[in-house]
């Protein structure tokens, strides 16, 4: 089973990907990847090409995932958290825990709510 790679979209703080990397999680941000300004669907496609689960505060990804399911399309997983629910540190801790208990295979076409 493969470890989850985390790709943070531009709605999340770059500090989340950096905090995960410091804790040994394979994580990178849209900013580091040079993907600022891509549409949400383009972000999800990019994450899929990179075999990464996307972490976002953007509810649009939930709608895209529902549409993709209806269309028979696959994504590498979405982890959603409301922007004001947790601090950066809490997001890092919770995401690190998820990567310890779930595999990349578990996340295919899966939506996880923090």
N, C-alpha and C. Protein backbone atom coordinates (compact mmCIF):
# COMPACT_ATOMS: atom_id res chain seq x y z
N UNK A 1 0.84 -1.19 0.00
CA UNK A 1 0.00 0.00 0.00
C UNK A 1 0.88 1.24 0.00
N UNK A 2 0.53 2.19 -0.86
CA UNK A 2 1.31 3.41 -0.96
C UNK A 2 0.90 4.45 0.06
N UNK A 3 1.86 5.26 0.42
CA UNK A 3 1.58 6.38 1.34
C UNK A 3 0.87 7.49 0.58
N UNK A 4 0.04 8.20 1.29
CA UNK A 4 -0.69 9.32 0.70
C UNK A 4 0.27 10.49 0.49
N UNK A 5 0.24 11.04 -0.72
CA UNK A 5 0.91 12.31 -1.01
C UNK A 5 -0.16 13.39 -0.87
N UNK A 6 0.18 14.49 -0.26
CA UNK A 6 -0.78 15.58 -0.07
C UNK A 6 -0.39 16.75 -0.97
N UNK A 7 -1.36 17.19 -1.75
CA UNK A 7 -1.20 18.37 -2.60
C UNK A 7 -2.20 19.41 -2.09
N UNK A 8 -1.70 20.55 -1.63
CA UNK A 8 -2.59 21.59 -1.12
C UNK A 8 -2.91 22.58 -2.23
N UNK A 9 -4.17 22.88 -2.39
CA UNK A 9 -4.55 23.83 -3.43
C UNK A 9 -4.30 25.25 -2.94
N UNK A 10 -4.59 26.22 -3.79
CA UNK A 10 -4.25 27.60 -3.45
C UNK A 10 -5.18 28.22 -2.40
N UNK A 11 -6.25 27.52 -2.02
CA UNK A 11 -7.12 28.05 -0.97
C UNK A 11 -6.56 27.77 0.43
N UNK A 12 -5.52 26.96 0.50
CA UNK A 12 -4.94 26.62 1.80
C UNK A 12 -3.59 27.30 1.99
N UNK A 13 -3.21 27.45 3.21
CA UNK A 13 -1.93 28.07 3.53
C UNK A 13 -0.78 27.17 3.10
N UNK A 14 0.23 27.77 2.49
CA UNK A 14 1.44 27.03 2.11
C UNK A 14 2.09 26.42 3.35
N UNK A 15 1.87 27.03 4.50
CA UNK A 15 2.44 26.52 5.76
C UNK A 15 1.96 25.10 6.07
N UNK A 16 0.80 24.71 5.58
CA UNK A 16 0.31 23.36 5.83
C UNK A 16 1.19 22.34 5.11
N UNK A 17 1.46 22.56 3.84
CA UNK A 17 2.34 21.63 3.11
C UNK A 17 3.74 21.64 3.71
N UNK A 18 4.23 22.81 4.09
CA UNK A 18 5.57 22.90 4.68
C UNK A 18 5.62 22.16 6.03
N UNK A 19 4.59 22.32 6.84
CA UNK A 19 4.53 21.64 8.13
C UNK A 19 4.48 20.13 7.97
N UNK A 20 3.74 19.67 6.97
CA UNK A 20 3.68 18.23 6.71
C UNK A 20 5.03 17.70 6.26
N UNK A 21 5.69 18.44 5.38
CA UNK A 21 7.01 18.00 4.91
C UNK A 21 8.00 17.89 6.06
N UNK A 22 7.96 18.85 6.99
CA UNK A 22 8.85 18.80 8.15
C UNK A 22 8.58 17.60 9.03
N UNK A 23 7.39 17.04 8.92
CA UNK A 23 7.01 15.88 9.73
C UNK A 23 7.09 14.57 8.93
N UNK A 24 7.75 14.62 7.79
CA UNK A 24 8.00 13.41 7.01
C UNK A 24 6.91 13.00 6.05
N UNK A 25 5.92 13.86 5.82
CA UNK A 25 4.84 13.55 4.88
C UNK A 25 5.22 14.11 3.51
N UNK A 26 4.96 13.34 2.48
CA UNK A 26 5.21 13.79 1.11
C UNK A 26 4.10 14.79 0.76
N UNK A 27 4.42 16.07 0.85
CA UNK A 27 3.42 17.11 0.64
C UNK A 27 4.01 18.25 -0.19
N UNK A 28 3.16 18.88 -0.99
CA UNK A 28 3.58 20.02 -1.79
C UNK A 28 2.36 20.88 -2.09
N UNK A 29 2.61 22.13 -2.40
CA UNK A 29 1.52 23.09 -2.59
C UNK A 29 1.38 23.49 -4.06
N UNK A 30 0.22 24.03 -4.37
CA UNK A 30 -0.01 24.56 -5.72
C UNK A 30 0.99 25.66 -6.04
N UNK A 31 1.37 26.44 -5.04
CA UNK A 31 2.34 27.51 -5.26
C UNK A 31 3.69 26.93 -5.68
N UNK A 32 4.18 25.93 -4.93
CA UNK A 32 5.46 25.31 -5.24
C UNK A 32 5.42 24.63 -6.61
N UNK A 33 4.28 24.04 -6.96
CA UNK A 33 4.13 23.35 -8.25
C UNK A 33 3.95 24.32 -9.41
N UNK A 34 3.79 25.61 -9.11
CA UNK A 34 3.57 26.60 -10.17
C UNK A 34 2.16 26.55 -10.73
N UNK A 35 1.21 26.15 -9.91
CA UNK A 35 -0.16 25.97 -10.38
C UNK A 35 -1.15 27.01 -9.89
N UNK A 36 -0.67 28.14 -9.42
CA UNK A 36 -1.60 29.19 -9.00
C UNK A 36 -2.38 29.66 -10.21
N UNK A 37 -3.68 29.84 -10.03
CA UNK A 37 -4.51 30.32 -11.12
C UNK A 37 -5.20 29.23 -11.92
N UNK A 38 -4.85 27.97 -11.70
CA UNK A 38 -5.56 26.89 -12.39
C UNK A 38 -6.98 26.79 -11.84
N UNK A 39 -7.89 26.31 -12.67
CA UNK A 39 -9.25 26.09 -12.19
C UNK A 39 -9.23 24.93 -11.18
N UNK A 40 -10.30 24.80 -10.43
CA UNK A 40 -10.38 23.71 -9.46
C UNK A 40 -10.29 22.36 -10.16
N UNK A 41 -10.95 22.23 -11.28
CA UNK A 41 -10.90 20.96 -12.01
C UNK A 41 -9.48 20.68 -12.52
N UNK A 42 -8.80 21.71 -13.00
CA UNK A 42 -7.41 21.54 -13.42
C UNK A 42 -6.52 21.14 -12.24
N UNK A 43 -6.79 21.70 -11.06
CA UNK A 43 -6.03 21.32 -9.86
C UNK A 43 -6.25 19.83 -9.55
N UNK A 44 -7.49 19.38 -9.66
CA UNK A 44 -7.80 17.99 -9.36
C UNK A 44 -7.16 17.05 -10.39
N UNK A 45 -7.15 17.46 -11.64
CA UNK A 45 -6.49 16.68 -12.70
C UNK A 45 -4.99 16.61 -12.42
N UNK A 46 -4.39 17.75 -12.07
CA UNK A 46 -2.96 17.77 -11.77
C UNK A 46 -2.64 16.84 -10.59
N UNK A 47 -3.44 16.92 -9.54
CA UNK A 47 -3.22 16.06 -8.38
C UNK A 47 -3.27 14.59 -8.80
N UNK A 48 -4.20 14.25 -9.67
CA UNK A 48 -4.30 12.88 -10.15
C UNK A 48 -3.07 12.43 -10.90
N UNK A 49 -2.55 13.30 -11.75
CA UNK A 49 -1.33 12.97 -12.50
C UNK A 49 -0.15 12.75 -11.56
N UNK A 50 -0.16 13.47 -10.44
CA UNK A 50 0.92 13.35 -9.45
C UNK A 50 0.64 12.27 -8.41
N UNK A 51 -0.49 11.55 -8.57
CA UNK A 51 -0.90 10.52 -7.61
C UNK A 51 -0.97 11.10 -6.19
N UNK A 52 -1.56 12.28 -6.10
CA UNK A 52 -1.65 12.99 -4.82
C UNK A 52 -3.11 13.25 -4.46
N UNK A 53 -3.40 13.18 -3.18
CA UNK A 53 -4.70 13.56 -2.65
C UNK A 53 -4.68 15.06 -2.42
N UNK A 54 -5.73 15.73 -2.83
CA UNK A 54 -5.77 17.19 -2.69
C UNK A 54 -6.39 17.57 -1.35
N UNK A 55 -5.77 18.53 -0.68
CA UNK A 55 -6.33 19.10 0.55
C UNK A 55 -6.81 20.50 0.22
N UNK A 56 -8.04 20.80 0.61
CA UNK A 56 -8.65 22.07 0.23
C UNK A 56 -9.62 22.58 1.28
N UNK A 57 -9.88 23.89 1.21
CA UNK A 57 -10.94 24.53 1.99
C UNK A 57 -12.10 24.90 1.07
N UNK A 58 -12.01 24.54 -0.20
CA UNK A 58 -12.93 24.97 -1.25
C UNK A 58 -14.00 23.91 -1.50
N UNK A 59 -15.26 24.25 -1.22
CA UNK A 59 -16.36 23.29 -1.40
C UNK A 59 -16.61 22.94 -2.86
N UNK A 60 -16.11 23.74 -3.79
CA UNK A 60 -16.29 23.43 -5.21
C UNK A 60 -15.73 22.05 -5.55
N UNK A 61 -14.67 21.63 -4.85
CA UNK A 61 -14.09 20.31 -5.12
C UNK A 61 -15.08 19.19 -4.80
N UNK A 62 -15.94 19.41 -3.83
CA UNK A 62 -16.94 18.39 -3.49
C UNK A 62 -17.95 18.23 -4.61
N UNK A 63 -18.32 19.34 -5.23
CA UNK A 63 -19.25 19.30 -6.36
C UNK A 63 -18.60 18.65 -7.58
N UNK A 64 -17.33 18.96 -7.80
CA UNK A 64 -16.61 18.35 -8.93
C UNK A 64 -16.52 16.84 -8.72
N UNK A 65 -16.20 16.42 -7.50
CA UNK A 65 -16.09 14.98 -7.21
C UNK A 65 -17.42 14.27 -7.46
N UNK A 66 -18.53 14.89 -7.08
CA UNK A 66 -19.85 14.30 -7.31
C UNK A 66 -20.12 14.16 -8.81
N UNK A 67 -19.78 15.19 -9.57
CA UNK A 67 -19.98 15.14 -11.02
C UNK A 67 -19.09 14.07 -11.65
N UNK A 68 -17.83 14.03 -11.21
CA UNK A 68 -16.92 13.02 -11.75
C UNK A 68 -17.42 11.61 -11.45
N UNK A 69 -17.97 11.40 -10.28
CA UNK A 69 -18.52 10.09 -9.93
C UNK A 69 -19.62 9.70 -10.90
N UNK A 70 -20.52 10.66 -11.18
CA UNK A 70 -21.60 10.42 -12.15
C UNK A 70 -21.06 10.11 -13.54
N UNK A 71 -19.93 10.73 -13.88
CA UNK A 71 -19.32 10.55 -15.21
C UNK A 71 -18.39 9.34 -15.27
N UNK A 72 -18.19 8.67 -14.14
CA UNK A 72 -17.30 7.52 -14.12
C UNK A 72 -15.82 7.89 -14.12
N UNK A 73 -15.52 9.12 -13.74
CA UNK A 73 -14.13 9.58 -13.69
C UNK A 73 -13.54 9.32 -12.31
N UNK A 74 -12.23 9.20 -12.26
CA UNK A 74 -11.53 8.86 -11.03
C UNK A 74 -10.66 10.03 -10.57
N UNK A 75 -10.61 10.23 -9.25
CA UNK A 75 -9.67 11.19 -8.67
C UNK A 75 -8.90 10.48 -7.56
N UNK A 76 -7.82 11.09 -7.12
CA UNK A 76 -6.93 10.48 -6.12
C UNK A 76 -7.32 10.82 -4.69
N UNK A 77 -8.48 11.40 -4.52
CA UNK A 77 -8.98 11.70 -3.19
C UNK A 77 -8.96 13.18 -2.88
N UNK A 78 -9.90 13.57 -2.04
CA UNK A 78 -10.04 14.95 -1.60
C UNK A 78 -10.17 14.94 -0.09
N UNK A 79 -9.39 15.79 0.56
CA UNK A 79 -9.55 16.01 2.00
C UNK A 79 -10.04 17.45 2.13
N UNK A 80 -11.20 17.60 2.73
CA UNK A 80 -11.82 18.92 2.85
C UNK A 80 -11.87 19.34 4.32
N UNK A 81 -11.62 20.61 4.54
CA UNK A 81 -11.75 21.20 5.87
C UNK A 81 -12.24 22.63 5.70
N UNK A 82 -13.27 23.01 6.44
CA UNK A 82 -13.72 24.40 6.40
C UNK A 82 -12.58 25.30 6.87
N UNK A 83 -12.42 26.41 6.21
CA UNK A 83 -11.28 27.30 6.43
C UNK A 83 -11.12 27.77 7.86
N UNK A 84 -12.21 27.95 8.58
CA UNK A 84 -12.10 28.48 9.94
C UNK A 84 -12.21 27.40 11.02
N UNK A 85 -12.30 26.15 10.62
CA UNK A 85 -12.51 25.09 11.60
C UNK A 85 -11.26 24.81 12.44
N UNK A 86 -10.09 24.72 11.79
CA UNK A 86 -8.87 24.39 12.49
C UNK A 86 -7.75 25.36 12.13
N UNK A 87 -6.83 25.51 13.04
CA UNK A 87 -5.63 26.31 12.77
C UNK A 87 -4.72 25.53 11.82
N UNK A 88 -3.69 26.20 11.31
CA UNK A 88 -2.71 25.54 10.46
C UNK A 88 -2.11 24.34 11.19
N UNK A 89 -1.70 24.54 12.44
CA UNK A 89 -1.10 23.46 13.22
C UNK A 89 -2.02 22.28 13.40
N UNK A 90 -3.30 22.56 13.67
CA UNK A 90 -4.27 21.47 13.83
C UNK A 90 -4.48 20.73 12.51
N UNK A 91 -4.52 21.46 11.41
CA UNK A 91 -4.64 20.81 10.09
C UNK A 91 -3.45 19.89 9.85
N UNK A 92 -2.26 20.38 10.15
CA UNK A 92 -1.05 19.57 9.96
C UNK A 92 -1.13 18.30 10.79
N UNK A 93 -1.49 18.41 12.04
CA UNK A 93 -1.58 17.23 12.91
C UNK A 93 -2.61 16.22 12.40
N UNK A 94 -3.78 16.72 12.02
CA UNK A 94 -4.84 15.83 11.56
C UNK A 94 -4.48 15.18 10.21
N UNK A 95 -3.87 15.96 9.32
CA UNK A 95 -3.46 15.40 8.04
C UNK A 95 -2.37 14.35 8.22
N UNK A 96 -1.44 14.63 9.10
CA UNK A 96 -0.37 13.66 9.37
C UNK A 96 -0.96 12.35 9.90
N UNK A 97 -1.95 12.46 10.77
CA UNK A 97 -2.60 11.27 11.30
C UNK A 97 -3.29 10.49 10.18
N UNK A 98 -3.98 11.20 9.28
CA UNK A 98 -4.64 10.53 8.17
C UNK A 98 -3.65 9.77 7.30
N UNK A 99 -2.50 10.39 7.04
CA UNK A 99 -1.50 9.73 6.19
C UNK A 99 -0.90 8.51 6.89
N UNK A 100 -1.02 8.45 8.19
CA UNK A 100 -0.50 7.29 8.93
C UNK A 100 -1.47 6.11 8.93
N UNK A 101 -2.76 6.39 8.75
CA UNK A 101 -3.74 5.31 8.86
C UNK A 101 -4.41 4.94 7.54
N UNK A 102 -4.33 5.82 6.55
CA UNK A 102 -4.94 5.55 5.24
C UNK A 102 -3.84 5.44 4.19
N UNK A 103 -4.11 4.67 3.15
CA UNK A 103 -3.15 4.54 2.04
C UNK A 103 -3.65 5.34 0.84
N UNK A 104 -2.79 5.51 -0.14
CA UNK A 104 -3.20 6.20 -1.36
C UNK A 104 -4.32 5.43 -2.04
N UNK A 105 -4.31 4.11 -1.93
CA UNK A 105 -5.38 3.29 -2.52
C UNK A 105 -6.71 3.55 -1.80
N UNK A 106 -6.65 3.76 -0.49
CA UNK A 106 -7.87 4.07 0.27
C UNK A 106 -8.51 5.37 -0.20
N UNK A 107 -7.69 6.29 -0.68
CA UNK A 107 -8.19 7.62 -1.01
C UNK A 107 -8.77 7.75 -2.42
N UNK A 108 -8.58 6.76 -3.29
CA UNK A 108 -9.09 6.86 -4.64
C UNK A 108 -10.61 7.02 -4.59
N UNK A 109 -11.09 8.11 -5.22
CA UNK A 109 -12.51 8.46 -5.27
C UNK A 109 -13.14 8.64 -3.88
N UNK A 110 -12.32 8.95 -2.90
CA UNK A 110 -12.78 9.11 -1.52
C UNK A 110 -12.69 10.59 -1.12
N UNK A 111 -13.67 11.02 -0.35
CA UNK A 111 -13.65 12.35 0.23
C UNK A 111 -13.58 12.19 1.74
N UNK A 112 -12.59 12.82 2.34
CA UNK A 112 -12.40 12.78 3.80
C UNK A 112 -12.64 14.18 4.33
N UNK A 113 -13.40 14.29 5.40
CA UNK A 113 -13.67 15.58 6.03
C UNK A 113 -12.87 15.67 7.33
N UNK A 114 -12.11 16.76 7.50
CA UNK A 114 -11.40 16.96 8.76
C UNK A 114 -12.35 17.58 9.75
